[in-house]
């Protein structure tokens, strides 16, 4: 690159090859365009930067088509970014070469500007059910749910330690799920919930046999976040509680269990008054993790 006897396109190609090894791209917290080392050194010494055209700086050699760089310091201290910027800003540089250099040096001079609304960048885009979740949050919920499932299936020697880990994982899942807004009730109901359960079960079975693709991995995490967020809705929690109390009431009536307490009977009457119509059950329960996440975890403290 620093050899002035070579053609200018060859020197530009060599500078482009060396550019990522000697210069860093602009970060989010850095200024748009840095001061080049040649300009910085020239300002410090009081010298002015040569802005003459390349044709005025050509060496007096037989081959006049081999111009020097647009920088006066074409010696050992010349860096690739300084050389490329000098060639790009020279008036007699061919337009095609200037365009090529501009494309090469843009990441090293300017940072990418954020586009779109803040909600779409931080929380993701709404899906067909108006449910919004960030991919990172959905993956964390999915990973913690899988860890909780593996932990419950193990039989460690220290039972108390297992309970502490399970409570920590459950609290982390609960806090993340509660930070999400459930899908729109007019768009997402028990039928859509059952479809998500079936699709999530299918993806889990495929994962047990082979690795999922990137798109399927994202879909699996998004489905689980939507399923658990739907189950955190007050109506779903209340109807699950009604079903649990009615089941215990039937068992007590048949002499197969203890009767309900007065508090539980009062709670059942109140819930039946608030939710008189019984929703069609969105299950069978396809996944083991659902049974590990009871509705009480999503009730407010």
C-alpha atoms as a PDB file:
ATOM      1  CA  UNK A   1       0.000   0.000   0.000  1.00  0.00           C
ATOM      2  CA  UNK A   2       2.841   2.401   0.820  1.00  0.00           C
ATOM      3  CA  UNK A   3       4.709   1.639  -2.376  1.00  0.00           C
ATOM      4  CA  UNK A   4       4.200   4.665  -4.606  1.00  0.00           C
ATOM      5  CA  UNK A   5       5.433   2.805  -7.679  1.00  0.00           C
ATOM      6  CA  UNK A   6       2.384   0.515  -7.756  1.00  0.00           C
ATOM      7  CA  UNK A   7      -0.898   1.392  -9.500  1.00  0.00           C
ATOM      8  CA  UNK A   8      -3.503   3.133  -7.383  1.00  0.00           C
ATOM      9  CA  UNK A   9      -6.149   0.324  -7.608  1.00  0.00           C
ATOM     10  CA  UNK A  10      -3.592  -2.185  -6.299  1.00  0.00           C
ATOM     11  CA  UNK A  11      -2.735   0.057  -3.367  1.00  0.00           C
ATOM     12  CA  UNK A  12      -6.431   0.545  -2.600  1.00  0.00           C
ATOM     13  CA  UNK A  13      -6.973  -3.224  -2.623  1.00  0.00           C
ATOM     14  CA  UNK A  14      -4.084  -3.755  -0.211  1.00  0.00           C
ATOM     15  CA  UNK A  15      -5.372  -1.011   2.078  1.00  0.00           C
ATOM     16  CA  UNK A  16      -8.828  -2.612   2.102  1.00  0.00           C
ATOM     17  CA  UNK A  17      -7.270  -5.940   3.102  1.00  0.00           C
ATOM     18  CA  UNK A  18      -5.325  -4.372   5.969  1.00  0.00           C
ATOM     19  CA  UNK A  19      -8.161  -2.117   7.134  1.00  0.00           C
ATOM     20  CA  UNK A  20      -9.905  -4.535   9.605  1.00  0.00           C
ATOM     21  CA  UNK A  21      -6.584  -5.505  11.194  1.00  0.00           C
ATOM     22  CA  UNK A  22      -5.450  -1.979  12.021  1.00  0.00           C
ATOM     23  CA  UNK A  23      -8.681  -0.050  12.647  1.00  0.00           C
ATOM     24  CA  UNK A  24     -11.804  -0.635  14.731  1.00  0.00           C
ATOM     25  CA  UNK A  25     -15.353   0.005  13.628  1.00  0.00           C
ATOM     26  CA  UNK A  26     -17.403   2.695  15.324  1.00  0.00           C
ATOM     27  CA  UNK A  27     -19.183   1.684  18.511  1.00  0.00           C
ATOM     28  CA  UNK A  28     -22.532   2.906  19.791  1.00  0.00           C
ATOM     29  CA  UNK A  29     -20.930   5.243  22.326  1.00  0.00           C
ATOM     30  CA  UNK A  30     -18.214   6.668  20.053  1.00  0.00           C
ATOM     31  CA  UNK A  31     -18.356   9.773  17.853  1.00  0.00           C
ATOM     32  CA  UNK A  32     -19.323   9.342  14.229  1.00  0.00           C
ATOM     33  CA  UNK A  33     -16.031  10.195  12.531  1.00  0.00           C
ATOM     34  CA  UNK A  34     -12.641   9.955  14.260  1.00  0.00           C
ATOM     35  CA  UNK A  35      -9.746  12.263  13.558  1.00  0.00           C
ATOM     36  CA  UNK A  36      -7.266  10.451  11.368  1.00  0.00           C
ATOM     37  CA  UNK A  37      -3.742   9.929  12.576  1.00  0.00           C
ATOM     38  CA  UNK A  38      -2.290  12.083   9.797  1.00  0.00           C
ATOM     39  CA  UNK A  39      -4.611  15.014  10.529  1.00  0.00           C
ATOM     40  CA  UNK A  40      -4.022  14.623  14.243  1.00  0.00           C
ATOM     41  CA  UNK A  41      -0.268  14.662  13.786  1.00  0.00           C
ATOM     42  CA  UNK A  42      -0.475  17.615  11.391  1.00  0.00           C
ATOM     43  CA  UNK A  43      -2.537  19.687  13.798  1.00  0.00           C
ATOM     44  CA  UNK A  44      -0.200  18.896  16.659  1.00  0.00           C
ATOM     45  CA  UNK A  45       2.851  20.003  14.683  1.00  0.00           C
ATOM     46  CA  UNK A  46       1.149  23.000  13.121  1.00  0.00           C
ATOM     47  CA  UNK A  47       1.472  21.655   9.576  1.00  0.00           C
ATOM     48  CA  UNK A  48      -1.389  21.819   7.139  1.00  0.00           C
ATOM     49  CA  UNK A  49      -2.816  18.758   5.443  1.00  0.00           C
ATOM     50  CA  UNK A  50      -2.183  18.576   1.731  1.00  0.00           C
ATOM     51  CA  UNK A  51      -5.473  18.647  -0.153  1.00  0.00           C
ATOM     52  CA  UNK A  52      -4.065  18.980  -3.653  1.00  0.00           C
ATOM     53  CA  UNK A  53      -5.346  16.649  -6.356  1.00  0.00           C
ATOM     54  CA  UNK A  54      -3.578  13.383  -6.897  1.00  0.00           C
ATOM     55  CA  UNK A  55      -2.379  14.557 -10.319  1.00  0.00           C
ATOM     56  CA  UNK A  56      -0.470  17.397  -8.627  1.00  0.00           C
ATOM     57  CA  UNK A  57       1.284  14.978  -6.280  1.00  0.00           C
ATOM     58  CA  UNK A  58       2.420  12.403  -8.840  1.00  0.00           C
ATOM     59  CA  UNK A  59       6.001  11.373  -8.759  1.00  0.00           C
ATOM     60  CA  UNK A  60       8.222  12.398 -11.635  1.00  0.00           C
ATOM     61  CA  UNK A  61       8.544   8.923 -13.055  1.00  0.00           C
ATOM     62  CA  UNK A  62       8.108   7.485 -16.481  1.00  0.00           C
ATOM     63  CA  UNK A  63       4.716   6.011 -15.633  1.00  0.00           C
ATOM     64  CA  UNK A  64       2.544   9.023 -14.967  1.00  0.00           C
ATOM     65  CA  UNK A  65      -0.513   6.794 -14.359  1.00  0.00           C
ATOM     66  CA  UNK A  66       0.831   5.726 -10.964  1.00  0.00           C
ATOM     67  CA  UNK A  67      -0.234   8.530  -8.581  1.00  0.00           C
ATOM     68  CA  UNK A  68       0.868   8.947  -5.009  1.00  0.00           C
ATOM     69  CA  UNK A  69      -1.574   8.952  -2.148  1.00  0.00           C
ATOM     70  CA  UNK A  70      -3.490  12.119  -1.408  1.00  0.00           C
ATOM     71  CA  UNK A  71      -1.690  12.390   1.932  1.00  0.00           C
ATOM     72  CA  UNK A  72       1.682  14.096   2.270  1.00  0.00           C
ATOM     73  CA  UNK A  73       2.885  11.517   4.818  1.00  0.00           C
ATOM     74  CA  UNK A  74       3.163   8.565   2.429  1.00  0.00           C
ATOM     75  CA  UNK A  75       5.972   7.022   4.395  1.00  0.00           C
ATOM     76  CA  UNK A  76       6.041   4.227   6.978  1.00  0.00           C
ATOM     77  CA  UNK A  77       3.527   6.029   9.219  1.00  0.00           C
ATOM     78  CA  UNK A  78       0.742   5.983   6.624  1.00  0.00           C
ATOM     79  CA  UNK A  79      -2.240   3.947   7.855  1.00  0.00           C
ATOM     80  CA  UNK A  80      -4.867   2.242   5.637  1.00  0.00           C
ATOM     81  CA  UNK A  81      -7.763   4.440   6.763  1.00  0.00           C
ATOM     82  CA  UNK A  82      -5.790   7.646   6.159  1.00  0.00           C
ATOM     83  CA  UNK A  83      -4.712   6.442   2.732  1.00  0.00           C
ATOM     84  CA  UNK A  84      -8.240   5.461   1.689  1.00  0.00           C
ATOM     85  CA  UNK A  85      -9.762   8.716   2.907  1.00  0.00           C
ATOM     86  CA  UNK A  86      -7.122  10.709   1.058  1.00  0.00           C
ATOM     87  CA  UNK A  87      -7.780   8.855  -2.182  1.00  0.00           C
ATOM     88  CA  UNK A  88     -11.551   9.168  -1.781  1.00  0.00           C
ATOM     89  CA  UNK A  89     -11.407  12.917  -1.139  1.00  0.00           C
ATOM     90  CA  UNK A  90      -9.011  13.674  -3.999  1.00  0.00           C
ATOM     91  CA  UNK A  91     -10.811  15.550  -6.816  1.00  0.00           C
ATOM     92  CA  UNK A  92      -9.304  13.496  -9.647  1.00  0.00           C
ATOM     93  CA  UNK A  93     -10.103  10.061  -8.219  1.00  0.00           C
ATOM     94  CA  UNK A  94     -12.417   8.082 -10.545  1.00  0.00           C
ATOM     95  CA  UNK A  95     -16.033   8.030  -9.300  1.00  0.00           C
ATOM     96  CA  UNK A  96     -16.211   4.208  -9.241  1.00  0.00           C
ATOM     97  CA  UNK A  97     -13.110   4.015  -7.042  1.00  0.00           C
ATOM     98  CA  UNK A  98     -14.407   6.738  -4.731  1.00  0.00           C
ATOM     99  CA  UNK A  99     -17.693   4.855  -4.328  1.00  0.00           C
ATOM    100  CA  UNK A 100     -15.829   1.630  -3.533  1.00  0.00           C
ATOM    101  CA  UNK A 101     -13.686   3.355  -0.894  1.00  0.00           C
ATOM    102  CA  UNK A 102     -16.722   5.035   0.631  1.00  0.00           C
ATOM    103  CA  UNK A 103     -18.384   1.636   1.087  1.00  0.00           C
ATOM    104  CA  UNK A 104     -15.234   0.228   2.684  1.00  0.00           C
ATOM    105  CA  UNK A 105     -14.617   3.063   5.142  1.00  0.00           C
ATOM    106  CA  UNK A 106     -18.203   3.803   6.222  1.00  0.00           C
ATOM    107  CA  UNK A 107     -18.265   1.247   9.127  1.00  0.00           C
ATOM    108  CA  UNK A 108     -15.033   2.736  10.461  1.00  0.00           C
ATOM    109  CA  UNK A 109     -16.311   6.325  10.376  1.00  0.00           C
ATOM    110  CA  UNK A 110     -20.000   6.126  11.267  1.00  0.00           C
ATOM    111  CA  UNK A 111     -22.061   4.008  13.644  1.00  0.00           C
ATOM    112  CA  UNK A 112     -25.355   2.457  12.598  1.00  0.00           C
ATOM    113  CA  UNK A 113     -28.320   4.554  13.552  1.00  0.00           C
ATOM    114  CA  UNK A 114     -31.273   2.891  15.249  1.00  0.00           C
ATOM    115  CA  UNK A 115     -34.443   2.710  13.219  1.00  0.00           C
ATOM    116  CA  UNK A 116     -38.024   1.902  14.152  1.00  0.00           C
ATOM    117  CA  UNK A 117     -39.902   2.588  17.348  1.00  0.00           C
ATOM    118  CA  UNK A 118     -38.424   1.970  20.767  1.00  0.00           C
ATOM    119  CA  UNK A 119     -40.977  -0.708  21.688  1.00  0.00           C
ATOM    120  CA  UNK A 120     -40.177  -2.840  18.636  1.00  0.00           C
ATOM    121  CA  UNK A 121     -36.450  -2.705  19.399  1.00  0.00           C
ATOM    122  CA  UNK A 122     -36.681  -3.489  23.109  1.00  0.00           C
ATOM    123  CA  UNK A 123     -39.727  -5.719  23.386  1.00  0.00           C
ATOM    124  CA  UNK A 124     -40.093  -7.235  19.926  1.00  0.00           C
ATOM    125  CA  UNK A 125     -42.870  -6.895  17.383  1.00  0.00           C
ATOM    126  CA  UNK A 126     -46.527  -7.858  18.021  1.00  0.00           C
ATOM    127  CA  UNK A 127     -47.542 -11.226  16.587  1.00  0.00           C
ATOM    128  CA  UNK A 128     -50.920 -12.177  15.105  1.00  0.00           C
ATOM    129  CA  UNK A 129     -52.460 -12.241  18.607  1.00  0.00           C
ATOM    130  CA  UNK A 130     -51.064  -8.819  19.585  1.00  0.00           C
ATOM    131  CA  UNK A 131     -48.584 -10.484  21.951  1.00  0.00           C
ATOM    132  CA  UNK A 132     -45.212  -8.769  22.339  1.00  0.00           C
ATOM    133  CA  UNK A 133     -42.118 -10.428  23.794  1.00  0.00           C
ATOM    134  CA  UNK A 134     -38.423  -9.938  23.295  1.00  0.00           C
ATOM    135  CA  UNK A 135     -36.516 -12.929  21.946  1.00  0.00           C
ATOM    136  CA  UNK A 136     -34.040 -12.765  24.810  1.00  0.00           C
ATOM    137  CA  UNK A 137     -36.816 -12.763  27.426  1.00  0.00           C
ATOM    138  CA  UNK A 138     -38.649 -15.629  25.710  1.00  0.00           C
ATOM    139  CA  UNK A 139     -35.460 -17.681  25.576  1.00  0.00           C
ATOM    140  CA  UNK A 140     -34.743 -17.025  29.262  1.00  0.00           C
ATOM    141  CA  UNK A 141     -38.261 -18.157  30.201  1.00  0.00           C
ATOM    142  CA  UNK A 142     -37.895 -21.312  28.094  1.00  0.00           C
ATOM    143  CA  UNK A 143     -34.436 -22.159  29.473  1.00  0.00           C
ATOM    144  CA  UNK A 144     -35.491 -21.625  33.104  1.00  0.00           C
ATOM    145  CA  UNK A 145     -38.594 -23.767  32.557  1.00  0.00           C
ATOM    146  CA  UNK A 146     -36.476 -26.586  31.158  1.00  0.00           C
ATOM    147  CA  UNK A 147     -34.048 -26.292  34.074  1.00  0.00           C
ATOM    148  CA  UNK A 148     -36.956 -26.472  36.504  1.00  0.00           C
ATOM    149  CA  UNK A 149     -38.288 -29.570  34.765  1.00  0.00           C
ATOM    150  CA  UNK A 150     -34.916 -31.334  34.950  1.00  0.00           C
ATOM    151  CA  UNK A 151     -34.489 -30.306  38.572  1.00  0.00           C
ATOM    152  CA  UNK A 152     -37.879 -31.699  39.624  1.00  0.00           C
ATOM    153  CA  UNK A 153     -37.196 -35.025  37.900  1.00  0.00           C
ATOM    154  CA  UNK A 154     -33.890 -35.524  39.726  1.00  0.00           C
ATOM    155  CA  UNK A 155     -33.484 -37.145  43.136  1.00  0.00           C
ATOM    156  CA  UNK A 156     -30.644 -35.347  44.897  1.00  0.00           C
ATOM    157  CA  UNK A 157     -29.347 -36.162  48.340  1.00  0.00           C
ATOM    158  CA  UNK A 158     -29.903 -32.628  49.617  1.00  0.00           C
ATOM    159  CA  UNK A 159     -33.663 -32.112  49.308  1.00  0.00           C
ATOM    160  CA  UNK A 160     -33.614 -28.628  50.844  1.00  0.00           C
ATOM    161  CA  UNK A 161     -31.078 -27.421  48.320  1.00  0.00           C
ATOM    162  CA  UNK A 162     -33.275 -28.764  45.529  1.00  0.00           C
ATOM    163  CA  UNK A 163     -36.273 -26.891  46.936  1.00  0.00           C
ATOM    164  CA  UNK A 164     -34.309 -23.642  47.156  1.00  0.00           C
ATOM    165  CA  UNK A 165     -33.186 -23.960  43.546  1.00  0.00           C
ATOM    166  CA  UNK A 166     -36.716 -24.790  42.418  1.00  0.00           C
ATOM    167  CA  UNK A 167     -38.137 -21.779  44.261  1.00  0.00           C
ATOM    168  CA  UNK A 168     -35.477 -19.506  42.756  1.00  0.00           C
ATOM    169  CA  UNK A 169     -36.212 -20.739  39.225  1.00  0.00           C
ATOM    170  CA  UNK A 170     -39.966 -20.480  39.755  1.00  0.00           C
ATOM    171  CA  UNK A 171     -39.639 -16.931  41.076  1.00  0.00           C
ATOM    172  CA  UNK A 172     -37.515 -15.953  38.099  1.00  0.00           C
ATOM    173  CA  UNK A 173     -40.046 -17.414  35.667  1.00  0.00           C
ATOM    174  CA  UNK A 174     -42.915 -15.723  37.501  1.00  0.00           C
ATOM    175  CA  UNK A 175     -41.257 -12.295  37.464  1.00  0.00           C
ATOM    176  CA  UNK A 176     -40.493 -12.501  33.748  1.00  0.00           C
ATOM    177  CA  UNK A 177     -43.976 -13.725  32.846  1.00  0.00           C
ATOM    178  CA  UNK A 178     -45.620 -11.011  34.939  1.00  0.00           C
ATOM    179  CA  UNK A 179     -43.588  -8.367  33.094  1.00  0.00           C
ATOM    180  CA  UNK A 180     -45.320  -9.353  29.822  1.00  0.00           C
ATOM    181  CA  UNK A 181     -48.762  -8.274  28.636  1.00  0.00           C
ATOM    182  CA  UNK A 182     -51.051 -11.263  27.876  1.00  0.00           C
ATOM    183  CA  UNK A 183     -52.308 -11.658  24.298  1.00  0.00           C
ATOM    184  CA  UNK A 184     -55.505  -9.896  23.318  1.00  0.00           C
ATOM    185  CA  UNK A 185     -58.504 -11.861  24.711  1.00  0.00           C
ATOM    186  CA  UNK A 186     -60.538 -11.197  21.575  1.00  0.00           C
ATOM    187  CA  UNK A 187     -57.844 -12.843  19.446  1.00  0.00           C
ATOM    188  CA  UNK A 188     -56.358 -15.486  21.721  1.00  0.00           C
ATOM    189  CA  UNK A 189     -58.574 -17.891  23.652  1.00  0.00           C
ATOM    190  CA  UNK A 190     -58.683 -21.543  24.760  1.00  0.00           C
ATOM    191  CA  UNK A 191     -58.699 -22.822  21.182  1.00  0.00           C
ATOM    192  CA  UNK A 192     -55.558 -20.906  20.243  1.00  0.00           C
ATOM    193  CA  UNK A 193     -54.022 -21.917  23.550  1.00  0.00           C
ATOM    194  CA  UNK A 194     -54.600 -25.592  22.735  1.00  0.00           C
ATOM    195  CA  UNK A 195     -52.999 -25.136  19.309  1.00  0.00           C
ATOM    196  CA  UNK A 196     -49.950 -23.540  20.901  1.00  0.00           C
ATOM    197  CA  UNK A 197     -49.732 -26.400  23.385  1.00  0.00           C
ATOM    198  CA  UNK A 198     -49.813 -28.976  20.583  1.00  0.00           C
ATOM    199  CA  UNK A 199     -47.212 -27.123  18.522  1.00  0.00           C
ATOM    200  CA  UNK A 200     -44.953 -26.674  21.534  1.00  0.00           C
ATOM    201  CA  UNK A 201     -45.230 -30.384  22.323  1.00  0.00           C
ATOM    202  CA  UNK A 202     -44.272 -31.201  18.731  1.00  0.00           C
ATOM    203  CA  UNK A 203     -41.188 -28.981  18.907  1.00  0.00           C
ATOM    204  CA  UNK A 204     -40.144 -30.509  22.254  1.00  0.00           C
ATOM    205  CA  UNK A 205     -40.360 -34.014  20.812  1.00  0.00           C
ATOM    206  CA  UNK A 206     -38.290 -32.981  17.805  1.00  0.00           C
ATOM    207  CA  UNK A 207     -35.685 -31.401  20.085  1.00  0.00           C
ATOM    208  CA  UNK A 208     -35.357 -34.676  21.995  1.00  0.00           C
ATOM    209  CA  UNK A 209     -34.467 -36.468  18.732  1.00  0.00           C
ATOM    210  CA  UNK A 210     -32.418 -33.820  16.908  1.00  0.00           C
ATOM    211  CA  UNK A 211     -31.432 -30.183  17.150  1.00  0.00           C
ATOM    212  CA  UNK A 212     -33.962 -27.571  16.103  1.00  0.00           C
ATOM    213  CA  UNK A 213     -33.248 -24.987  13.483  1.00  0.00           C
ATOM    214  CA  UNK A 214     -32.778 -21.357  14.481  1.00  0.00           C
ATOM    215  CA  UNK A 215     -36.297 -20.427  13.403  1.00  0.00           C
ATOM    216  CA  UNK A 216     -37.814 -23.383  15.282  1.00  0.00           C
ATOM    217  CA  UNK A 217     -35.824 -22.514  18.408  1.00  0.00           C
ATOM    218  CA  UNK A 218     -37.173 -18.952  18.334  1.00  0.00           C
ATOM    219  CA  UNK A 219     -40.701 -20.275  17.717  1.00  0.00           C
ATOM    220  CA  UNK A 220     -40.470 -22.674  20.653  1.00  0.00           C
ATOM    221  CA  UNK A 221     -39.415 -19.935  23.073  1.00  0.00           C
ATOM    222  CA  UNK A 222     -42.106 -17.568  21.767  1.00  0.00           C
ATOM    223  CA  UNK A 223     -44.827 -20.225  22.114  1.00  0.00           C
ATOM    224  CA  UNK A 224     -43.902 -21.041  25.706  1.00  0.00           C
ATOM    225  CA  UNK A 225     -43.845 -17.345  26.664  1.00  0.00           C
ATOM    226  CA  UNK A 226     -47.292 -16.863  25.108  1.00  0.00           C
ATOM    227  CA  UNK A 227     -48.686 -19.991  26.795  1.00  0.00           C
ATOM    228  CA  UNK A 228     -47.476 -19.021  30.262  1.00  0.00           C
ATOM    229  CA  UNK A 229     -48.555 -15.406  29.818  1.00  0.00           C
ATOM    230  CA  UNK A 230     -52.033 -16.580  28.837  1.00  0.00           C
ATOM    231  CA  UNK A 231     -52.178 -18.748  31.947  1.00  0.00           C
ATOM    232  CA  UNK A 232     -51.269 -15.735  34.070  1.00  0.00           C
ATOM    233  CA  UNK A 233     -54.526 -13.966  33.131  1.00  0.00           C
ATOM    234  CA  UNK A 234     -56.864 -13.558  36.156  1.00  0.00           C
ATOM    235  CA  UNK A 235     -59.766 -15.299  34.399  1.00  0.00           C
ATOM    236  CA  UNK A 236     -57.666 -18.349  33.525  1.00  0.00           C
ATOM    237  CA  UNK A 237     -56.284 -18.537  37.072  1.00  0.00           C
ATOM    238  CA  UNK A 238     -59.793 -18.231  38.512  1.00  0.00           C
ATOM    239  CA  UNK A 239     -61.224 -20.954  36.277  1.00  0.00           C
ATOM    240  CA  UNK A 240     -58.333 -23.272  37.108  1.00  0.00           C
ATOM    241  CA  UNK A 241     -59.122 -22.663  40.784  1.00  0.00           C
ATOM    242  CA  UNK A 242     -62.818 -23.400  40.186  1.00  0.00           C
ATOM    243  CA  UNK A 243     -61.937 -26.672  38.465  1.00  0.00           C
ATOM    244  CA  UNK A 244     -59.612 -27.683  41.288  1.00  0.00           C
ATOM    245  CA  UNK A 245     -62.193 -26.954  44.014  1.00  0.00           C
ATOM    246  CA  UNK A 246     -64.984 -28.693  42.104  1.00  0.00           C
ATOM    247  CA  UNK A 247     -62.836 -31.776  41.700  1.00  0.00           C
ATOM    248  CA  UNK A 248     -62.112 -31.871  45.432  1.00  0.00           C
ATOM    249  CA  UNK A 249     -65.812 -31.316  46.113  1.00  0.00           C
ATOM    250  CA  UNK A 250     -66.742 -34.358  43.975  1.00  0.00           C
ATOM    251  CA  UNK A 251     -64.155 -36.513  45.687  1.00  0.00           C
ATOM    252  CA  UNK A 252     -65.457 -35.475  49.110  1.00  0.00           C
ATOM    253  CA  UNK A 253     -69.041 -36.197  48.032  1.00  0.00           C
ATOM    254  CA  UNK A 254     -68.015 -39.727  47.009  1.00  0.00           C
ATOM    255  CA  UNK A 255     -66.147 -40.279  50.261  1.00  0.00           C
ATOM    256  CA  UNK A 256     -62.721 -40.280  48.626  1.00  0.00           C
ATOM    257  CA  UNK A 257     -61.308 -37.176  50.228  1.00  0.00           C
ATOM    258  CA  UNK A 258     -61.725 -34.568  52.969  1.00  0.00           C
ATOM    259  CA  UNK A 259     -64.511 -31.965  52.565  1.00  0.00           C
ATOM    260  CA  UNK A 260     -63.791 -28.389  51.632  1.00  0.00           C
ATOM    261  CA  UNK A 261     -63.201 -25.878  54.379  1.00  0.00           C
ATOM    262  CA  UNK A 262     -65.555 -22.936  54.921  1.00  0.00           C
ATOM    263  CA  UNK A 263     -63.071 -20.598  53.330  1.00  0.00           C
ATOM    264  CA  UNK A 264     -62.737 -22.822  50.267  1.00  0.00           C
ATOM    265  CA  UNK A 265     -66.537 -23.139  49.931  1.00  0.00           C
ATOM    266  CA  UNK A 266     -66.895 -19.348  50.120  1.00  0.00           C
ATOM    267  CA  UNK A 267     -64.136 -18.927  47.536  1.00  0.00           C
ATOM    268  CA  UNK A 268     -65.854 -21.401  45.207  1.00  0.00           C
ATOM    269  CA  UNK A 269     -69.188 -19.569  45.441  1.00  0.00           C
ATOM    270  CA  UNK A 270     -67.583 -16.212  44.722  1.00  0.00           C
ATOM    271  CA  UNK A 271     -65.649 -17.529  41.742  1.00  0.00           C
ATOM    272  CA  UNK A 272     -68.764 -19.180  40.308  1.00  0.00           C
ATOM    273  CA  UNK A 273     -70.577 -15.865  40.609  1.00  0.00           C
ATOM    274  CA  UNK A 274     -67.810 -13.958  38.829  1.00  0.00           C
ATOM    275  CA  UNK A 275     -67.299 -16.588  36.108  1.00  0.00           C
ATOM    276  CA  UNK A 276     -70.627 -18.387  35.585  1.00  0.00           C
ATOM    277  CA  UNK A 277     -69.879 -19.910  32.188  1.00  0.00           C
ATOM    278  CA  UNK A 278     -67.337 -22.656  32.044  1.00  0.00           C
ATOM    279  CA  UNK A 279     -64.763 -22.330  29.284  1.00  0.00           C
ATOM    280  CA  UNK A 280     -64.007 -25.366  27.161  1.00  0.00           C
ATOM    281  CA  UNK A 281     -60.875 -26.944  28.565  1.00  0.00           C
ATOM    282  CA  UNK A 282     -57.884 -25.904  26.415  1.00  0.00           C
ATOM    283  CA  UNK A 283     -55.865 -28.952  27.369  1.00  0.00           C
ATOM    284  CA  UNK A 284     -55.055 -32.069  27.587  1.00  0.00           C
ATOM    285  CA  UNK A 285     -51.837 -30.996  29.144  1.00  0.00           C
ATOM    286  CA  UNK A 286     -49.202 -31.692  26.518  1.00  0.00           C
ATOM    287  CA  UNK A 287     -46.129 -30.620  28.380  1.00  0.00           C
ATOM    288  CA  UNK A 288     -44.694 -31.583  31.728  1.00  0.00           C
ATOM    289  CA  UNK A 289     -43.489 -28.050  32.447  1.00  0.00           C
ATOM    290  CA  UNK A 290     -47.090 -26.796  32.695  1.00  0.00           C
ATOM    291  CA  UNK A 291     -47.692 -29.045  35.667  1.00  0.00           C
ATOM    292  CA  UNK A 292     -44.606 -27.583  37.297  1.00  0.00           C
ATOM    293  CA  UNK A 293     -46.000 -24.043  37.090  1.00  0.00           C
ATOM    294  CA  UNK A 294     -49.156 -23.897  39.216  1.00  0.00           C
ATOM    295  CA  UNK A 295     -51.485 -20.951  38.934  1.00  0.00           C
ATOM    296  CA  UNK A 296     -50.678 -19.798  42.483  1.00  0.00           C
ATOM    297  CA  UNK A 297     -47.259 -18.633  41.297  1.00  0.00           C
ATOM    298  CA  UNK A 298     -48.883 -15.972  39.156  1.00  0.00           C
ATOM    299  CA  UNK A 299     -51.197 -14.635  41.856  1.00  0.00           C
ATOM    300  CA  UNK A 300     -50.203 -11.262  43.296  1.00  0.00           C
ATOM    301  CA  UNK A 301     -48.560 -11.326  46.709  1.00  0.00           C
END
